[in-house]
Amino acid sequence: MPRRIRYDNLKPAVVRVMKGRGRIETERFIAMRSHYGFESFFCLPGVKGAHEKGDVEGEVGRFRRRHMVPVPDVSSMAELNELVAAGDERDDRRHIEGRRLSVAKHFSAEQALLSSLPDEPFDVALALNCRVDTKSRICVRQCVYSVPVRYAGRRIDVLLGADHVSALDSSTVVARHQRAQGKGAEVLDLDHYLEVLSLEPGALAGVSALVAARRSGAFSSAHQRFWDLARRAHGDGAGTRAMIAVLLLHRAMPNDAVVSGLERAIEVGSLDPDVVAVEARRSLGRTEPVAVISESLAAFDRPAPTLSGYDGLLDVG
């Protein structure tokens, strides 16, 4: 960790720019630099500070042109971070003109002059407290995320990170979503609504969470086939309740195991959620526990009782 880091008055760090070098910093930024033990140095705004940040902006531009052109087509921040990390590795092998050592070897020589990192990383997530609406959703930075229906109408704590949003009940994480991109985006988890849908099974076909589950692949073609067959065999209500019972299995077993259980149950002609559960466990290599009787208990064995003597009572009277 360097002892001083230069910044260009970014909003997550600076609340207000004062005269000269004076800055009012955000509480979270102060906590972060205190945790890592470095001093912040802020460039002068405008033309006066242009010479203080030219090298950094030039390097950012060079990296973008070399590794991010054309603009990467990614589906998540994690995928983008992987591309940036791969670009860093390629840059480590680069030689700056006029220098004999690579970038990585120059950093190795400099590393001895840096401070050591603390044992624990700093949690940069922003702590919020949000109200859950009647549709069991929280609104965070103009995007909505689902939470379990039992929290509807309550206020819960929320941790907003760079790529994830977590809802907490005390210290227990009850919902975790990848952070949405774009104003008004909606991120829903079908599992959060299963308790209500089991009481109103007719609503499952039209809920937005089912659309999201199909889009993400969580509700697969095997799920759809089982649901269609169950409704055809038992009717819409009973068939949908069987589907919901299968969806509840995902809370205890991996998705692949449940899908395997669905495919096996359909193959043998069963539409019973219990059969799906048994086949899912079997795909995981789980077997039912067998009771082991110790040989020391053999001394307590008794012969099976006989009831032949009771037949004599039939002749009385």
Protein backbone atom coordinates (compact mmCIF):
# COMPACT_ATOMS: atom_id res chain seq x y z
CA MET A 1 0.00 0.00 0.00
CA PRO A 2 1.50 3.41 -0.96
CA ARG A 3 1.75 6.01 1.77
CA ARG A 4 0.03 8.67 -0.38
CA ILE A 5 -2.56 8.35 -3.16
CA ARG A 6 -3.45 11.20 -5.49
CA TYR A 7 -7.13 11.76 -6.38
CA ASP A 8 -9.02 13.98 -8.80
CA ASN A 9 -11.79 15.10 -6.38
CA LEU A 10 -14.08 12.15 -7.10
CA LYS A 11 -17.57 12.36 -5.56
CA PRO A 12 -17.35 9.11 -3.53
CA ALA A 13 -14.41 10.70 -1.65
CA VAL A 14 -15.11 14.44 -1.60
CA VAL A 15 -18.20 16.12 -0.23
CA ARG A 16 -16.97 19.68 -0.79
CA VAL A 17 -13.90 21.29 -2.35
CA MET A 18 -12.53 23.99 -0.03
CA LYS A 19 -9.96 26.69 -0.69
CA GLY A 20 -6.58 25.38 -1.84
CA ARG A 21 -6.03 21.76 -0.88
CA GLY A 22 -8.75 21.68 1.75
CA ARG A 23 -11.42 18.99 1.25
CA ILE A 24 -14.37 17.72 3.25
CA GLU A 25 -14.22 13.97 2.71
CA THR A 26 -17.05 11.44 2.95
CA GLU A 27 -17.22 9.35 6.11
CA ARG A 28 -16.86 6.11 4.17
CA PHE A 29 -13.74 7.32 2.37
CA ILE A 30 -12.16 8.46 5.65
CA ALA A 31 -12.89 5.02 7.13
CA MET A 32 -11.28 3.31 4.11
CA ARG A 33 -8.04 5.32 4.10
CA SER A 34 -7.80 4.98 7.88
CA HIS A 35 -8.15 1.22 7.54
CA TYR A 36 -5.31 1.00 4.98
CA GLY A 37 -3.24 3.77 6.52
CA PHE A 38 -2.57 6.04 3.54
CA GLU A 39 -2.76 9.79 3.07
CA SER A 40 -5.06 11.29 0.43
CA PHE A 41 -3.80 14.07 -1.85
CA PHE A 42 -6.34 15.89 -4.03
CA CYS A 43 -5.44 17.66 -7.26
CA LEU A 44 -6.40 21.29 -7.77
CA PRO A 45 -9.56 21.61 -9.86
CA GLY A 46 -9.53 23.06 -13.36
CA VAL A 47 -6.48 24.24 -15.31
CA LYS A 48 -4.42 24.79 -12.16
CA GLY A 49 -4.31 21.11 -11.39
CA ALA A 50 -4.04 19.78 -14.94
CA HIS A 51 -0.30 19.12 -14.60
CA GLU A 52 -0.88 17.10 -11.39
CA LYS A 53 -2.86 14.33 -13.03
CA GLY A 54 -1.67 14.17 -16.63
CA ASP A 55 0.39 11.02 -16.24
CA VAL A 56 -2.47 9.12 -14.59
CA GLU A 57 -5.05 10.17 -17.18
CA GLY A 58 -2.60 9.37 -19.97
CA GLU A 59 -2.05 5.86 -18.62
CA VAL A 60 -5.80 5.28 -18.24
CA GLY A 61 -6.30 6.34 -21.84
CA ARG A 62 -3.50 4.09 -23.07
CA PHE A 63 -4.90 1.09 -21.18
CA ARG A 64 -8.39 1.74 -22.56
CA ARG A 65 -7.17 2.02 -26.15
CA ARG A 66 -5.00 -1.09 -25.89
CA HIS A 67 -7.31 -3.45 -23.97
CA MET A 68 -10.86 -2.03 -24.15
CA VAL A 69 -11.25 -1.18 -27.83
CA PRO A 70 -13.71 -2.13 -29.17
CA VAL A 71 -15.92 -1.67 -26.11
CA PRO A 72 -16.22 -5.11 -24.39
CA ASP A 73 -19.62 -6.80 -24.50
CA VAL A 74 -19.99 -8.23 -20.98
CA SER A 75 -22.95 -9.35 -18.88
CA SER A 76 -21.62 -8.46 -15.42
CA MET A 77 -19.06 -6.43 -13.53
CA ALA A 78 -17.26 -9.66 -12.63
CA GLU A 79 -16.74 -10.46 -16.31
CA LEU A 80 -15.47 -6.92 -16.95
CA ASN A 81 -13.06 -7.20 -14.01
CA GLU A 82 -11.67 -10.42 -15.51
CA LEU A 83 -10.91 -8.58 -18.74
CA VAL A 84 -9.21 -5.76 -16.82
CA ALA A 85 -7.13 -8.28 -14.83
CA ALA A 86 -6.06 -9.98 -18.07
CA GLY A 87 -5.01 -6.58 -19.44
CA ASP A 88 -2.98 -5.93 -16.29
CA GLU A 89 -1.14 -9.22 -16.74
CA ARG A 90 -0.24 -8.33 -20.32
CA ASP A 91 0.93 -4.89 -19.20
CA ASP A 92 3.18 -6.47 -16.57
CA ARG A 93 5.22 -7.99 -19.41
CA ARG A 94 5.50 -4.64 -21.19
CA HIS A 95 8.80 -2.74 -21.42
CA ILE A 96 8.67 1.06 -21.26
CA GLU A 97 10.88 2.68 -23.89
CA GLY A 98 14.40 3.24 -22.63
CA ARG A 99 14.07 0.89 -19.65
CA ARG A 100 15.65 -2.53 -19.38
CA LEU A 101 13.23 -4.07 -16.87
CA SER A 102 9.58 -4.98 -17.44
CA VAL A 103 6.72 -3.23 -15.63
CA ALA A 104 6.31 -6.22 -13.30
CA LYS A 105 10.01 -6.20 -12.33
CA HIS A 106 9.92 -2.46 -11.69
CA PHE A 107 6.97 -2.98 -9.36
CA SER A 108 8.81 -5.77 -7.53
CA ALA A 109 11.67 -3.37 -6.82
CA GLU A 110 9.23 -0.72 -5.61
CA GLN A 111 7.17 -3.11 -3.48
CA ALA A 112 9.74 -3.15 -0.67
CA LEU A 113 9.09 0.57 -0.12
CA LEU A 114 5.32 0.13 0.27
CA SER A 115 3.40 -0.47 3.49
CA SER A 116 1.98 -3.95 4.10
CA LEU A 117 -1.72 -4.56 3.69
CA PRO A 118 -3.88 -5.17 6.79
CA ASP A 119 -4.93 -8.72 7.56
CA GLU A 120 -8.59 -8.04 6.73
CA PRO A 121 -9.91 -6.21 3.65
CA PHE A 122 -12.11 -3.15 4.06
CA ASP A 123 -15.79 -3.64 3.27
CA VAL A 124 -16.55 -0.83 0.84
CA ALA A 125 -20.31 -1.58 0.73
CA LEU A 126 -22.61 1.30 1.59
CA ALA A 127 -24.96 0.60 4.52
CA LEU A 128 -28.59 1.57 3.86
CA ASN A 129 -31.98 0.97 5.43
CA CYS A 130 -34.86 0.42 2.99
CA ARG A 131 -38.58 -0.20 3.25
CA VAL A 132 -39.95 -3.31 1.55
CA ASP A 133 -42.98 -2.48 -0.60
CA THR A 134 -46.20 -4.49 -0.99
CA LYS A 135 -44.63 -6.47 -3.85
CA SER A 136 -41.78 -7.55 -1.57
CA ARG A 137 -39.19 -5.31 -3.25
CA ILE A 138 -36.66 -2.76 -2.07
CA CYS A 139 -35.65 0.30 -4.10
CA VAL A 140 -31.89 0.97 -4.13
CA ARG A 141 -30.44 3.73 -6.30
CA GLN A 142 -33.57 3.78 -8.51
CA CYS A 143 -33.46 0.01 -9.11
CA VAL A 144 -35.71 -2.54 -7.38
CA TYR A 145 -34.72 -5.93 -5.95
CA SER A 146 -36.89 -8.68 -4.48
CA VAL A 147 -36.66 -9.99 -0.92
CA PRO A 148 -38.60 -12.84 0.76
CA VAL A 149 -42.31 -12.02 1.08
CA ARG A 150 -42.25 -12.27 4.87
CA TYR A 151 -40.49 -8.88 4.94
CA ALA A 152 -43.19 -7.01 2.99
CA GLY A 153 -44.02 -3.72 4.74
CA ARG A 154 -40.95 -3.84 6.99
CA ARG A 155 -37.66 -1.93 6.95
CA ILE A 156 -34.50 -3.96 6.50
CA ASP A 157 -30.79 -3.23 6.28
CA VAL A 158 -29.15 -3.26 2.86
CA LEU A 159 -25.48 -3.38 1.84
CA LEU A 160 -24.82 -1.77 -1.55
CA GLY A 161 -21.55 -2.88 -3.13
CA ALA A 162 -20.00 -2.23 -6.51
CA ASP A 163 -21.46 -5.39 -8.03
CA HIS A 164 -23.86 -6.87 -5.47
CA VAL A 165 -26.83 -5.80 -3.32
CA SER A 166 -27.46 -7.74 -0.10
CA ALA A 167 -30.52 -7.52 2.16
CA LEU A 168 -30.01 -8.43 5.82
CA ASP A 169 -32.20 -9.42 8.73
CA SER A 170 -29.94 -8.55 11.64
CA SER A 171 -26.65 -10.20 10.52
CA THR A 172 -28.27 -12.84 8.29
CA VAL A 173 -28.28 -12.29 4.52
CA VAL A 174 -31.83 -13.02 3.32
CA ALA A 175 -31.39 -11.88 -0.30
CA ARG A 176 -28.41 -11.24 -2.54
CA HIS A 177 -28.57 -9.91 -6.09
CA GLN A 178 -26.14 -8.85 -8.75
CA ARG A 179 -26.35 -5.08 -8.93
CA ALA A 180 -28.60 -3.89 -11.74
CA GLN A 181 -27.45 -1.46 -14.41
CA GLY A 182 -29.73 1.31 -15.61
CA LYS A 183 -32.43 3.42 -14.02
CA GLY A 184 -35.66 1.55 -13.25
CA ALA A 185 -34.18 -1.96 -13.63
CA GLU A 186 -35.97 -4.76 -11.78
CA VAL A 187 -34.22 -7.83 -10.35
CA LEU A 188 -36.55 -10.53 -9.04
CA ASP A 189 -35.94 -13.98 -7.54
CA LEU A 190 -38.81 -16.44 -7.96
CA ASP A 191 -37.82 -18.24 -4.75
CA HIS A 192 -38.80 -15.16 -2.72
CA TYR A 193 -42.48 -15.55 -3.71
CA LEU A 194 -43.03 -19.31 -3.39
CA GLU A 195 -44.82 -19.18 -0.02
CA VAL A 196 -47.47 -16.81 -1.39
CA LEU A 197 -47.74 -18.65 -4.70
CA SER A 198 -48.42 -21.93 -2.89
CA LEU A 199 -51.58 -20.27 -1.52
CA GLU A 200 -52.48 -18.67 -4.86
CA PRO A 201 -51.06 -21.12 -7.44
CA GLY A 202 -53.02 -19.53 -10.28
CA ALA A 203 -50.80 -16.44 -10.06
CA LEU A 204 -47.57 -18.29 -10.92
CA ALA A 205 -48.06 -18.17 -14.69
CA GLY A 206 -48.26 -14.38 -14.73
CA VAL A 207 -45.67 -13.24 -12.20
CA SER A 208 -42.70 -11.18 -13.39
CA ALA A 209 -40.35 -13.30 -11.27
CA LEU A 210 -41.14 -16.34 -13.44
CA VAL A 211 -40.20 -14.37 -16.56
CA ALA A 212 -36.89 -13.43 -14.92
CA ALA A 213 -36.27 -17.04 -13.86
CA ARG A 214 -36.81 -18.26 -17.43
CA ARG A 215 -34.50 -15.58 -18.77
CA SER A 216 -31.71 -16.53 -16.37
CA GLY A 217 -32.15 -20.27 -16.91
CA ALA A 218 -33.18 -20.97 -13.31
CA PHE A 219 -36.56 -22.18 -14.62
CA SER A 220 -35.38 -24.67 -17.23
CA SER A 221 -37.12 -26.64 -19.95
CA ALA A 222 -37.26 -29.59 -17.53
CA HIS A 223 -39.21 -27.45 -15.06
CA GLN A 224 -41.61 -26.36 -17.80
CA ARG A 225 -42.17 -29.91 -19.02
CA PHE A 226 -42.88 -31.19 -15.50
CA TRP A 227 -45.29 -28.30 -14.92
CA ASP A 228 -47.16 -28.93 -18.18
CA LEU A 229 -47.51 -32.64 -17.47
CA ALA A 230 -48.57 -32.04 -13.85
CA ARG A 231 -51.29 -29.56 -14.86
CA ARG A 232 -52.53 -31.91 -17.55
CA ALA A 233 -52.70 -34.83 -15.11
CA HIS A 234 -53.93 -33.12 -11.91
CA GLY A 235 -55.44 -29.82 -13.01
CA ASP A 236 -54.04 -26.29 -12.87
CA GLY A 237 -54.20 -25.85 -9.08
CA ALA A 238 -52.78 -29.20 -7.96
CA GLY A 239 -50.29 -29.34 -10.83
CA THR A 240 -48.94 -25.87 -10.03
CA ARG A 241 -48.64 -26.73 -6.33
CA ALA A 242 -46.57 -29.76 -7.32
CA MET A 243 -44.35 -27.44 -9.39
CA ILE A 244 -43.95 -25.07 -6.44
CA ALA A 245 -42.99 -27.99 -4.20
CA VAL A 246 -40.25 -28.86 -6.70
CA LEU A 247 -39.04 -25.25 -6.78
CA LEU A 248 -38.73 -25.32 -2.98
CA LEU A 249 -36.21 -28.16 -3.36
CA HIS A 250 -33.72 -25.63 -4.76
CA ARG A 251 -33.30 -24.23 -1.23
CA ALA A 252 -31.70 -27.48 -0.09
CA MET A 253 -30.12 -28.89 -3.27
CA PRO A 254 -28.11 -27.57 -6.22
CA ASN A 255 -29.93 -26.64 -9.42
CA ASP A 256 -28.30 -29.44 -11.42
CA ALA A 257 -29.47 -32.07 -8.94
CA VAL A 258 -33.09 -30.84 -9.03
CA VAL A 259 -33.08 -30.76 -12.85
CA SER A 260 -31.67 -34.29 -12.87
CA GLY A 261 -34.43 -35.35 -10.47
CA LEU A 262 -37.07 -33.77 -12.72
CA GLU A 263 -35.78 -35.53 -15.81
CA ARG A 264 -35.62 -38.89 -14.02
CA ALA A 265 -39.14 -38.52 -12.54
CA ILE A 266 -40.59 -37.65 -15.96
CA GLU A 267 -38.75 -40.61 -17.46
CA VAL A 268 -40.37 -43.08 -15.03
CA GLY A 269 -43.78 -41.41 -15.46
CA SER A 270 -44.07 -39.86 -11.99
CA LEU A 271 -45.27 -36.32 -11.26
CA ASP A 272 -44.79 -36.56 -7.50
CA PRO A 273 -42.46 -33.90 -5.99
CA ASP A 274 -41.26 -36.48 -3.45
CA VAL A 275 -40.05 -38.70 -6.29
CA VAL A 276 -38.18 -35.70 -7.74
CA ALA A 277 -36.55 -35.14 -4.34
CA VAL A 278 -35.48 -38.80 -4.07
CA GLU A 279 -34.02 -38.82 -7.57
CA ALA A 280 -32.26 -35.50 -6.94
CA ARG A 281 -30.62 -36.88 -3.80
CA ARG A 282 -29.65 -40.01 -5.70
CA SER A 283 -27.92 -37.89 -8.34
CA LEU A 284 -25.83 -36.38 -5.55
CA GLY A 285 -24.82 -39.84 -4.35
CA ARG A 286 -26.81 -39.54 -1.14
CA THR A 287 -28.39 -42.66 0.36
CA GLU A 288 -30.88 -43.03 3.16
CA PRO A 289 -29.19 -43.61 6.55
CA VAL A 290 -29.22 -47.21 7.76
CA ALA A 291 -29.70 -47.95 11.46
CA VAL A 292 -26.75 -49.93 12.83
CA ILE A 293 -27.56 -52.29 15.73
CA SER A 294 -24.66 -52.99 18.04
CA GLU A 295 -23.87 -56.62 18.87
CA SER A 296 -23.91 -55.70 22.57
CA LEU A 297 -27.71 -55.33 22.33
CA ALA A 298 -28.15 -59.01 21.38
CA ALA A 299 -28.48 -59.91 25.07
CA PHE A 300 -31.83 -58.13 25.12
CA ASP A 301 -33.32 -60.14 22.22
CA ARG A 302 -36.65 -61.84 22.98
CA PRO A 303 -38.57 -64.40 20.90
CA ALA A 304 -41.58 -63.12 18.97
CA PRO A 305 -44.82 -63.53 20.97
CA THR A 306 -47.33 -66.24 19.97
CA LEU A 307 -51.10 -65.69 20.05
CA SER A 308 -52.18 -69.29 19.54
CA GLY A 309 -53.48 -69.51 23.13
CA TYR A 310 -56.16 -66.94 22.39
CA ASP A 311 -57.90 -69.33 19.99
CA GLY A 312 -59.12 -71.34 22.99
CA LEU A 313 -61.31 -68.42 24.04
CA LEU A 314 -63.47 -68.91 20.97
CA ASP A 315 -64.90 -72.15 22.47
CA VAL A 316 -66.05 -70.52 25.75
CA GLY A 317 -69.84 -70.18 26.09
